C-alpha cells in the first residue's frame, strides 16, 4: 500500500511556479520521489523530513563515537585496576579502534544504498552493543589476556564506521546550499560522543567506588541508550529510494585526483581531531599526573574531555563558514592555527605549566574541528565542479555526480579516520624513543605546513576558474 504526501494549496505567488515533485510513502518507511534541490518540495515537506532524520542520525552517530572512544579513557585507569601494560600495549589499545573504524568506513559508505538509511542506522546502532558489553567483560578481570583486550578494542571500531554511513545518508536529504551546515551538525553531534565519553566515564567508574574502580560500568551504561537509538531510528527515520549506489561512478571517484587530495587534507583535519582526542587523556596523565583527575564529591573528573568538546562544537561553524566563504579558505586558516598551536605546545612543554599546555591544545582542537567541517564541505563542491556544474559551491550537479559525491564523502572520511591510528602510534614511538612527546608533535607541525601549501594551491585553482572551493 502506498500513500502520497499531501501538500498545502499553493499561494498566488506559487501558482506560476513549476509544481513540486510528489513524494510517495511506501511500507518500511521508504520514500519515492525525493528531490532536495526542488525548492517547493523542500519548503512544503522536505525540510521537516530531513530535519527529523538528521536528529536521529546525530543521536545514533553520537553513540557510535562514544563506543569508539571508550578505550581512550579506560586505559588511563587500567593500572589502578590491577592491569600491567607496557607503553606500547597501552597505545595499541588507544589506536586499534581507530584503525578498525577507519577500515570499516569503506564498506559502511555503501550500506545506505544497499539497505536504506533508516534500516542501516538500526543495524549499525545494534552492533555497538557488542563492544560496549565486551569492554565491560574484559576490564572486570585484571587477568584478561592482552590479545583478548585488543580484539574487543578492535570491535569498538564499529562505532567509527558509523560516521561514513551516517554522513552519506544525510547528504541525500539536504540540498547543496545547506550541505555544509547539515553535515557539520551531523558530524559535530557524533564528535561530541568522544567528549561525553571522556567526561562521563571517569565519574561513573569512581562515584561511590571507594578504593576500587567500577570499570565495567564504562561500557554497560551505554547499552540502554543504544537500544533507544535503535527504536528511534525504527519509528522516526526514513529510507530514500533515490539513495542508490552508482558503482561505476564510485569507481570513477577512486580514479579522481580530487578524492585523493581531499583524503589527504581530511587526514590533517579530522585525523588530528580524532587522534588527539584519543590520546589526550594519556598525554595529560603522563605529562601532568597531578592534573589527570580532579576529585568531585565521591568521584573524579578528567579535563581531557575539553579537547573533544571544543573540537566538536567548532565543526558545524566550520561548515557554516565554508558555506559562506568556501571550504578552502577556512581550511587554510585551520591549518595555520593548528601548526601554531602544536608548535606552541612543543615550545612550552619544558615550562611544565599545565594551563599553558591545556590552552594551546584547546586552540589546536578548535582549529581541527572547524577544519573538519570546512574540508568536508569541499568534497561535494569539487565533485559538482568536476561534473561540469557552473558553480560547484552552490550547484550539486546531476544525479550521478551527487551519488559519486556521497560515495566520496564516505571514502574520504575513512582515510581521515586513519589519523586516529597514526597520531597515537607516532606519539607512542616518540615517548618510547625520546622519553617525551615533543619530537612527535614537531612532525605534526611539519605535516600541517605541507597541508597548508596544498590547500592554498586548491584555493588558487578555484579562483582561476572563478569558483569558491
Protein backbone atom coordinates (compact mmCIF):
# COMPACT_ATOMS: atom_id res chain seq x y z
CA UNK A 1 0.00 0.00 0.00
CA UNK A 2 1.33 3.43 -0.89
CA UNK A 3 0.25 6.92 0.04
CA UNK A 4 1.05 10.30 -1.44
CA UNK A 5 2.18 13.07 0.86
CA UNK A 6 -0.42 15.83 0.79
CA UNK A 7 0.75 19.42 0.40
CA UNK A 8 -0.96 22.73 1.22
CA UNK A 9 -2.71 24.64 -1.51
CA UNK A 10 -0.30 26.81 -3.45
CA UNK A 11 -0.35 30.55 -2.87
CA UNK A 12 -0.88 33.05 -5.68
CA UNK A 13 2.88 33.51 -5.97
CA UNK A 14 3.46 29.74 -6.17
CA UNK A 15 0.79 29.21 -8.79
CA UNK A 16 3.08 30.30 -11.59
CA UNK A 17 5.99 28.18 -10.33
CA UNK A 18 6.62 24.63 -11.53
CA UNK A 19 4.86 22.03 -9.38
CA UNK A 20 6.87 20.40 -6.62
CA UNK A 21 7.93 16.79 -7.07
CA UNK A 22 5.47 14.40 -5.44
CA UNK A 23 6.62 12.31 -2.51
CA UNK A 24 5.18 8.82 -2.16
CA UNK A 25 5.45 6.80 1.05
CA UNK A 26 5.79 3.02 0.87
CA UNK A 27 5.82 0.33 3.57
CA UNK A 28 9.03 0.15 5.58
CA UNK A 29 9.21 3.98 5.61
CA UNK A 30 10.56 4.14 2.05
CA UNK A 31 10.10 7.48 0.25
CA UNK A 32 9.84 7.76 -3.55
CA UNK A 33 10.37 10.99 -5.47
CA UNK A 34 12.77 12.72 -3.09
CA UNK A 35 14.47 15.78 -4.62
CA UNK A 36 16.14 18.07 -2.09
CA UNK A 37 17.04 20.53 -4.86
CA UNK A 38 13.33 21.16 -5.62
CA UNK A 39 12.61 24.39 -3.68
CA UNK A 40 8.86 23.80 -3.43
CA UNK A 41 9.19 20.22 -2.23
CA UNK A 42 11.83 21.31 0.26
CA UNK A 43 9.67 24.14 1.61
CA UNK A 44 6.47 22.11 1.88
CA UNK A 45 7.62 18.83 3.41
CA UNK A 46 11.24 18.10 2.53
CA UNK A 47 12.85 20.28 5.22
CA UNK A 48 10.77 18.75 8.02
CA UNK A 49 11.56 15.20 6.89
CA UNK A 50 15.27 15.96 6.53
CA UNK A 51 15.47 17.55 9.98
CA UNK A 52 13.71 14.60 11.62
CA UNK A 53 16.15 12.15 10.03
CA UNK A 54 19.10 14.38 10.94
CA UNK A 55 18.14 14.42 14.63
CA UNK A 56 18.09 10.63 14.96
CA UNK A 57 21.15 10.26 12.77
CA UNK A 58 23.03 12.57 15.14
CA UNK A 59 21.96 10.56 18.19
CA UNK A 60 22.98 7.22 16.68
CA UNK A 61 26.29 8.60 15.47
CA UNK A 62 26.87 10.20 18.88
CA UNK A 63 26.70 6.75 20.47
CA UNK A 64 28.99 5.41 17.78
CA UNK A 65 31.67 7.91 18.78
CA UNK A 66 31.08 7.13 22.46
CA UNK A 67 31.82 3.45 21.92
CA UNK A 68 34.67 4.26 19.53
CA UNK A 69 36.45 6.34 22.18
CA UNK A 70 35.78 4.28 25.32
CA UNK A 71 39.20 2.68 25.38
CA UNK A 72 40.95 6.06 25.13
CA UNK A 73 39.77 6.97 28.63
CA UNK A 74 39.59 3.46 30.14
CA UNK A 75 43.29 2.73 29.50
CA UNK A 76 44.27 5.55 31.86
CA UNK A 77 42.52 3.72 34.71
CA UNK A 78 43.74 0.20 33.91
CA UNK A 79 46.93 0.35 36.05
CA UNK A 80 44.91 1.34 39.12
CA UNK A 81 42.61 -1.64 38.44
CA UNK A 82 45.50 -4.09 38.50
CA UNK A 83 46.36 -4.32 34.79
CA UNK A 84 50.08 -4.33 33.94
CA UNK A 85 50.55 -2.93 30.43
CA UNK A 86 53.63 -1.64 28.63
CA UNK A 87 53.68 1.75 26.88
CA UNK A 88 53.37 0.02 23.50
CA UNK A 89 50.38 -2.07 24.63
CA UNK A 90 48.64 1.00 26.02
CA UNK A 91 48.98 2.92 22.77
CA UNK A 92 47.79 -0.10 20.78
CA UNK A 93 44.59 -0.21 22.85
CA UNK A 94 44.12 3.51 22.16
CA UNK A 95 44.77 3.32 18.43
CA UNK A 96 43.25 -0.06 17.47
CA UNK A 97 39.62 1.20 17.48
CA UNK A 98 40.61 3.93 15.02
CA UNK A 99 42.42 1.51 12.73
CA UNK A 100 39.39 -0.79 12.52
CA UNK A 101 36.87 2.06 12.45
CA UNK A 102 38.68 3.73 9.57
CA UNK A 103 38.76 0.48 7.59
CA UNK A 104 35.06 -0.20 8.24
CA UNK A 105 34.16 3.18 6.81
CA UNK A 106 34.84 1.89 3.30
CA UNK A 107 32.09 -0.79 3.30
CA UNK A 108 29.84 1.31 5.56
CA UNK A 109 29.76 4.00 2.86
CA UNK A 110 27.79 1.65 0.62
CA UNK A 111 25.42 0.26 3.24
CA UNK A 112 22.87 3.08 2.96
CA UNK A 113 22.23 2.45 -0.76
CA UNK A 114 22.10 -1.28 -0.05
CA UNK A 115 19.77 -1.34 2.98
CA UNK A 116 18.32 2.18 3.29
CA UNK A 117 19.37 4.91 5.70
CA UNK A 118 16.81 4.06 8.38
CA UNK A 119 17.43 0.32 8.19
CA UNK A 120 21.20 0.61 8.31
CA UNK A 121 21.06 3.04 11.23
CA UNK A 122 19.18 0.38 13.20
CA UNK A 123 21.69 -2.33 12.26
CA UNK A 124 24.82 -0.25 12.87
CA UNK A 125 23.49 1.00 16.22
CA UNK A 126 22.71 -2.56 17.29
CA UNK A 127 26.30 -3.62 16.55
CA UNK A 128 27.50 -1.14 19.18
CA UNK A 129 26.17 -3.39 21.91
CA UNK A 130 28.93 -5.94 21.18
CA UNK A 131 31.98 -3.74 22.00
CA UNK A 132 30.18 -1.95 24.85
CA UNK A 133 29.36 -5.19 26.66
CA UNK A 134 32.66 -6.76 25.60
CA UNK A 135 34.62 -3.95 27.26
CA UNK A 136 32.68 -4.48 30.49
CA UNK A 137 33.62 -8.17 30.49
CA UNK A 138 37.30 -7.53 29.71
CA UNK A 139 38.00 -4.87 32.34
CA UNK A 140 36.24 -6.83 35.08
CA UNK A 141 39.23 -9.18 35.36
CA UNK A 142 42.88 -7.99 35.50
CA UNK A 143 43.89 -11.44 34.26
CA UNK A 144 42.23 -10.86 30.87
CA UNK A 145 44.87 -11.64 28.20
CA UNK A 146 46.10 -8.62 26.28
CA UNK A 147 45.14 -10.30 22.98
CA UNK A 148 41.51 -10.53 24.10
CA UNK A 149 41.52 -6.89 25.18
CA UNK A 150 42.98 -5.84 21.83
CA UNK A 151 40.27 -7.79 19.99
CA UNK A 152 37.49 -6.12 21.96
CA UNK A 153 39.16 -2.73 21.39
CA UNK A 154 39.13 -3.55 17.68
CA UNK A 155 35.37 -4.24 17.84
CA UNK A 156 34.92 -0.70 19.15
CA UNK A 157 35.74 0.25 15.57
CA UNK A 158 32.06 -0.45 14.79
CA UNK A 159 31.43 3.00 16.26
CA UNK A 160 33.93 4.62 13.92
CA UNK A 161 32.39 3.00 10.86
CA UNK A 162 29.02 4.59 11.66
CA UNK A 163 30.27 8.00 10.63
CA UNK A 164 30.65 7.11 6.95
CA UNK A 165 27.17 5.66 6.51
CA UNK A 166 25.57 8.43 8.56
CA UNK A 167 27.20 11.21 6.55
CA UNK A 168 26.48 9.52 3.23
CA UNK A 169 22.84 9.15 4.26
CA UNK A 170 22.38 12.78 5.34
CA UNK A 171 23.96 14.15 2.17
CA UNK A 172 20.98 12.73 0.22
CA UNK A 173 18.47 14.56 2.42
CA UNK A 174 19.82 18.11 2.02
CA UNK A 175 20.20 20.49 -0.94
CA UNK A 176 23.69 21.54 -1.96
CA UNK A 177 23.38 25.02 -0.44
CA UNK A 178 22.69 23.53 3.02
CA UNK A 179 25.03 20.56 2.99
CA UNK A 180 27.83 22.28 4.91
CA UNK A 181 25.64 23.13 7.90
CA UNK A 182 23.74 19.81 7.88
CA UNK A 183 26.86 17.66 7.54
CA UNK A 184 28.59 19.81 10.13
CA UNK A 185 25.76 19.30 12.64
CA UNK A 186 25.64 15.58 11.95
CA UNK A 187 29.37 15.24 12.39
CA UNK A 188 29.51 17.52 15.43
CA UNK A 189 26.79 15.55 17.16
CA UNK A 190 28.80 12.42 16.57
CA UNK A 191 32.10 14.01 17.56
CA UNK A 192 30.53 15.09 20.85
CA UNK A 193 30.34 11.42 21.75
CA UNK A 194 34.10 11.45 22.28
CA UNK A 195 33.80 14.37 24.71
CA UNK A 196 30.86 12.87 26.58
CA UNK A 197 32.61 9.51 26.95
CA UNK A 198 35.74 11.17 28.33
CA UNK A 199 33.65 13.29 30.69
CA UNK A 200 31.22 10.65 31.94
CA UNK A 201 33.37 7.52 32.22
CA UNK A 202 35.80 8.80 34.91
CA UNK A 203 32.83 9.93 37.01
CA UNK A 204 30.81 6.74 36.59
CA UNK A 205 33.65 4.34 37.33
CA UNK A 206 34.70 6.17 40.51
CA UNK A 207 31.50 7.52 42.06
CA UNK A 208 30.83 5.67 45.29
CA UNK A 209 33.53 3.14 44.45
CA UNK A 210 35.79 3.93 47.40
CA UNK A 211 39.22 2.39 46.89
CA UNK A 212 38.09 0.31 43.91
CA UNK A 213 37.04 1.16 40.37
CA UNK A 214 33.80 0.11 38.71
CA UNK A 215 35.38 -0.24 35.27
CA UNK A 216 32.66 -2.48 33.75
CA UNK A 217 30.23 0.43 34.00
CA UNK A 218 32.32 2.25 31.38
CA UNK A 219 30.68 0.01 28.79
CA UNK A 220 27.39 -1.03 30.40
CA UNK A 221 25.97 2.46 30.92
CA UNK A 222 25.61 3.00 27.16
CA UNK A 223 23.56 -0.13 26.40
CA UNK A 224 20.15 1.43 27.27
CA UNK A 225 20.88 4.47 25.10
CA UNK A 226 21.91 2.25 22.19
CA UNK A 227 18.53 0.49 22.46
CA UNK A 228 16.79 3.89 22.40
CA UNK A 229 18.68 4.78 19.20
CA UNK A 230 17.57 1.54 17.53
CA UNK A 231 13.92 2.10 18.43
CA UNK A 232 14.09 5.79 17.48
CA UNK A 233 15.50 5.00 14.04
CA UNK A 234 12.79 2.38 13.52
CA UNK A 235 9.99 4.81 14.38
CA UNK A 236 11.25 8.15 13.06
CA UNK A 237 13.78 7.74 10.24
CA UNK A 238 13.19 7.09 6.53
CA UNK A 239 14.73 5.27 3.58
CA UNK A 240 15.12 7.12 0.27
CA UNK A 241 14.74 5.10 -2.91
CA UNK A 242 16.94 7.54 -4.82
CA UNK A 243 19.86 6.89 -2.44
CA UNK A 244 21.33 4.32 -4.76
CA UNK A 245 24.96 3.38 -5.14
CA UNK A 246 26.38 4.21 -8.53
CA UNK A 247 29.17 1.63 -8.66
CA UNK A 248 30.58 2.93 -11.92
CA UNK A 249 30.63 6.48 -10.62
CA UNK A 250 32.14 5.35 -7.32
CA UNK A 251 34.95 3.57 -9.14
CA UNK A 252 35.45 6.71 -11.21
CA UNK A 253 35.66 8.70 -7.98
CA UNK A 254 38.54 6.49 -6.84
CA UNK A 255 40.38 7.48 -10.00
CA UNK A 256 39.67 11.16 -9.49
CA UNK A 257 42.61 13.17 -8.11
CA UNK A 258 40.10 15.26 -6.16
CA UNK A 259 39.26 12.28 -3.95
CA UNK A 260 42.87 11.57 -3.02
CA UNK A 261 43.54 15.24 -2.47
CA UNK A 262 40.62 15.55 -0.07
CA UNK A 263 41.58 12.31 1.67
CA UNK A 264 44.98 13.81 2.43
CA UNK A 265 43.51 17.07 3.73
CA UNK A 266 40.94 15.24 5.81
CA UNK A 267 43.63 13.17 7.50
CA UNK A 268 45.08 16.51 8.56
CA UNK A 269 41.82 17.90 9.98
CA UNK A 270 39.61 15.05 11.15
CA UNK A 271 42.57 12.74 11.69
CA UNK A 272 44.05 15.31 14.05
CA UNK A 273 40.77 15.72 15.90
CA UNK A 274 40.13 12.03 16.49
CA UNK A 275 43.80 11.16 17.00
CA UNK A 276 44.45 13.83 19.60
CA UNK A 277 41.05 13.17 21.23
CA UNK A 278 42.05 9.53 21.68
CA UNK A 279 45.48 10.25 23.11
CA UNK A 280 44.73 13.40 25.13
CA UNK A 281 43.84 11.59 28.39
CA UNK A 282 47.11 9.65 28.16
CA UNK A 283 49.13 12.79 27.38
CA UNK A 284 47.74 14.56 30.44
CA UNK A 285 48.33 11.52 32.66
CA UNK A 286 51.97 11.25 31.52
CA UNK A 287 52.93 14.92 31.41
CA UNK A 288 50.84 16.25 34.30
CA UNK A 289 49.77 13.33 36.50
CA UNK A 290 48.62 15.71 39.23
CA UNK A 291 46.04 17.17 36.82
CA UNK A 292 44.89 13.88 35.31
CA UNK A 293 41.91 13.59 37.68
CA UNK A 294 40.15 16.10 39.90
CA UNK A 295 38.05 14.95 42.87
CA UNK A 296 34.40 15.96 42.56
CA UNK A 297 32.39 14.74 45.54
CA UNK A 298 32.82 10.98 45.63
CA UNK A 299 34.00 10.79 42.01
CA UNK A 300 36.83 12.03 39.82
CA UNK A 301 36.77 14.23 36.73
CA UNK A 302 39.28 14.39 33.89
CA UNK A 303 39.68 17.60 31.88
CA UNK A 304 40.67 15.58 28.81
CA UNK A 305 37.07 15.80 27.55
CA UNK A 306 37.51 19.53 26.88
CA UNK A 307 39.57 18.85 23.75
CA UNK A 308 36.97 16.70 22.05
CA UNK A 309 34.23 19.05 23.28
CA UNK A 310 35.57 22.28 21.77
CA UNK A 311 36.60 20.49 18.58
CA UNK A 312 33.11 19.05 18.17
CA UNK A 313 31.39 22.37 18.77
CA UNK A 314 33.66 24.10 16.27
CA UNK A 315 32.86 21.66 13.47
CA UNK A 316 29.40 22.94 12.39
CA UNK A 317 30.66 26.51 12.47
CA UNK A 318 33.49 25.49 10.19
CA UNK A 319 30.87 24.05 7.84
CA UNK A 320 28.74 27.19 8.02
CA UNK A 321 31.72 29.46 7.36
CA UNK A 322 32.63 27.20 4.44
CA UNK A 323 29.09 27.59 3.05
CA UNK A 324 29.66 31.32 3.03
CA UNK A 325 33.34 31.81 2.22
CA UNK A 326 34.35 28.50 0.66
CA UNK A 327 35.83 25.43 2.30
CA UNK A 328 39.41 26.03 1.14
CA UNK A 329 39.64 29.47 2.77
CA UNK A 330 38.51 28.13 6.16
CA UNK A 331 40.72 25.04 5.85
CA UNK A 332 43.75 27.26 5.16
CA UNK A 333 43.05 29.23 8.33
CA UNK A 334 42.59 25.97 10.26
CA UNK A 335 45.97 24.58 9.24
CA UNK A 336 47.70 27.84 10.13
CA UNK A 337 46.23 27.76 13.63
CA UNK A 338 46.85 24.03 14.05
CA UNK A 339 50.52 24.41 13.17
CA UNK A 340 50.86 27.37 15.53
CA UNK A 341 49.03 25.54 18.34
CA UNK A 342 51.13 22.38 18.07
CA UNK A 343 54.35 24.41 17.91
CA UNK A 344 53.29 26.38 20.98
CA UNK A 345 52.75 23.12 22.89
CA UNK A 346 56.28 21.96 21.98
CA UNK A 347 57.86 25.29 22.98
CA UNK A 348 56.04 25.48 26.33
CA UNK A 349 56.34 21.82 27.39
CA UNK A 350 59.66 22.45 29.24
CA UNK A 351 57.86 25.03 31.40
CA UNK A 352 55.77 22.21 32.91
CA UNK A 353 52.75 24.54 33.02
CA UNK A 354 49.55 22.54 32.73
CA UNK A 355 47.33 25.50 31.92
CA UNK A 356 49.53 26.61 29.02
CA UNK A 357 49.57 23.00 27.80
CA UNK A 358 45.78 22.77 28.03
CA UNK A 359 45.16 26.19 26.46
CA UNK A 360 47.35 25.62 23.40
CA UNK A 361 45.94 22.14 22.90
CA UNK A 362 42.39 23.51 23.03
CA UNK A 363 43.33 26.00 20.30
CA UNK A 364 44.59 23.06 18.25
CA UNK A 365 41.31 21.19 18.86
CA UNK A 366 39.16 24.18 17.89
CA UNK A 367 41.07 24.67 14.66
CA UNK A 368 40.90 20.97 13.77
CA UNK A 369 37.16 20.93 14.46
CA UNK A 370 36.49 23.95 12.26
CA UNK A 371 38.78 22.44 9.64
CA UNK A 372 36.77 19.21 9.73
CA UNK A 373 33.59 20.99 8.69
CA UNK A 374 35.32 23.15 6.09
CA UNK A 375 37.30 20.32 4.48
CA UNK A 376 34.24 18.09 4.32
CA UNK A 377 32.32 20.90 2.61
CA UNK A 378 34.93 20.99 -0.15
CA UNK A 379 34.16 17.42 -1.26
CA UNK A 380 30.69 17.89 -2.83
CA UNK A 381 31.90 21.22 -4.25
CA UNK A 382 34.84 19.64 -6.07
CA UNK A 383 32.80 16.73 -7.41
CA UNK A 384 30.00 19.02 -8.59
CA UNK A 385 32.62 21.14 -10.32
CA UNK A 386 34.13 18.01 -11.85
CA UNK A 387 30.72 17.05 -13.26
CA UNK A 388 30.56 20.33 -15.18
CA UNK A 389 28.35 22.31 -12.81
CA UNK A 390 28.98 26.00 -13.37
CA UNK A 391 29.42 26.78 -9.68
CA UNK A 392 30.19 23.71 -7.62
CA UNK A 393 29.78 25.70 -4.41
CA UNK A 394 26.02 26.20 -4.86
CA UNK A 395 25.08 23.67 -7.55
CA UNK A 396 25.01 19.92 -6.87
CA UNK A 397 25.39 18.82 -10.47
CA UNK A 398 23.47 15.89 -11.95
CA UNK A 399 22.17 12.85 -10.04
CA UNK A 400 25.21 10.75 -10.94
CA UNK A 401 27.63 13.36 -9.57
CA UNK A 402 25.56 13.62 -6.38
CA UNK A 403 25.85 9.85 -5.87
CA UNK A 404 29.56 9.98 -6.61
CA UNK A 405 29.97 12.80 -4.09
CA UNK A 406 28.06 10.78 -1.47
CA UNK A 407 30.40 7.83 -2.02
CA UNK A 408 33.40 10.16 -1.93
CA UNK A 409 32.26 11.57 1.41
CA UNK A 410 32.39 8.11 2.95
CA UNK A 411 35.68 7.14 1.31
CA UNK A 412 37.38 10.37 2.35
CA UNK A 413 36.05 10.00 5.90
CA UNK A 414 37.62 6.55 6.03
CA UNK A 415 41.06 7.84 5.11
CA UNK A 416 40.70 10.70 7.58
CA UNK A 417 39.95 8.31 10.42
CA UNK A 418 43.33 6.64 9.95
CA UNK A 419 44.71 9.72 11.66
CA UNK A 420 43.21 8.29 14.83
CA UNK A 421 45.63 5.38 14.46
CA UNK A 422 48.66 7.29 13.20
CA UNK A 423 48.73 10.03 15.85
CA UNK A 424 48.76 7.73 18.92
CA UNK A 425 51.33 5.46 17.26
CA UNK A 426 53.64 8.37 16.38
CA UNK A 427 53.34 9.82 19.87
CA UNK A 428 53.88 6.37 21.39
CA UNK A 429 57.08 5.97 19.37
CA UNK A 430 58.16 9.46 20.41
CA UNK A 431 57.60 8.58 24.05
CA UNK A 432 59.44 5.26 23.78
CA UNK A 433 62.32 6.66 21.73
CA UNK A 434 62.92 10.06 23.32
CA UNK A 435 61.13 9.87 26.65
CA UNK A 436 58.75 12.68 25.67
CA UNK A 437 56.20 13.84 23.11
CA UNK A 438 57.94 16.91 21.69
CA UNK A 439 59.54 15.14 18.74
CA UNK A 440 56.21 13.61 17.67
CA UNK A 441 54.43 16.96 17.88
CA UNK A 442 57.10 18.59 15.71
CA UNK A 443 56.39 16.03 13.00
CA UNK A 444 52.75 17.14 13.04
CA UNK A 445 53.77 20.81 12.75
CA UNK A 446 55.69 19.95 9.58
CA UNK A 447 52.72 17.98 8.22
CA UNK A 448 50.35 20.92 8.79
CA UNK A 449 52.67 23.26 6.89
CA UNK A 450 52.68 20.88 3.90
CA UNK A 451 48.88 20.53 4.01
CA UNK A 452 48.55 24.31 4.23
CA UNK A 453 50.52 24.66 0.99
CA UNK A 454 48.35 22.05 -0.75
CA UNK A 455 45.09 23.71 0.36
CA UNK A 456 46.37 27.10 -0.81
CA UNK A 457 47.04 25.61 -4.24
CA UNK A 458 43.46 24.28 -4.37
CA UNK A 459 42.07 27.68 -3.44
CA UNK A 460 44.12 29.38 -6.18
CA UNK A 461 42.90 26.78 -8.68
CA UNK A 462 39.32 27.64 -7.81
CA UNK A 463 39.98 31.35 -8.04
CA UNK A 464 41.38 30.93 -11.55
CA UNK A 465 38.12 29.23 -12.51
CA UNK A 466 36.05 31.87 -10.75
CA UNK A 467 34.73 29.38 -8.17
CA UNK A 468 34.92 29.30 -4.38
CA UNK A 469 36.08 25.80 -3.46
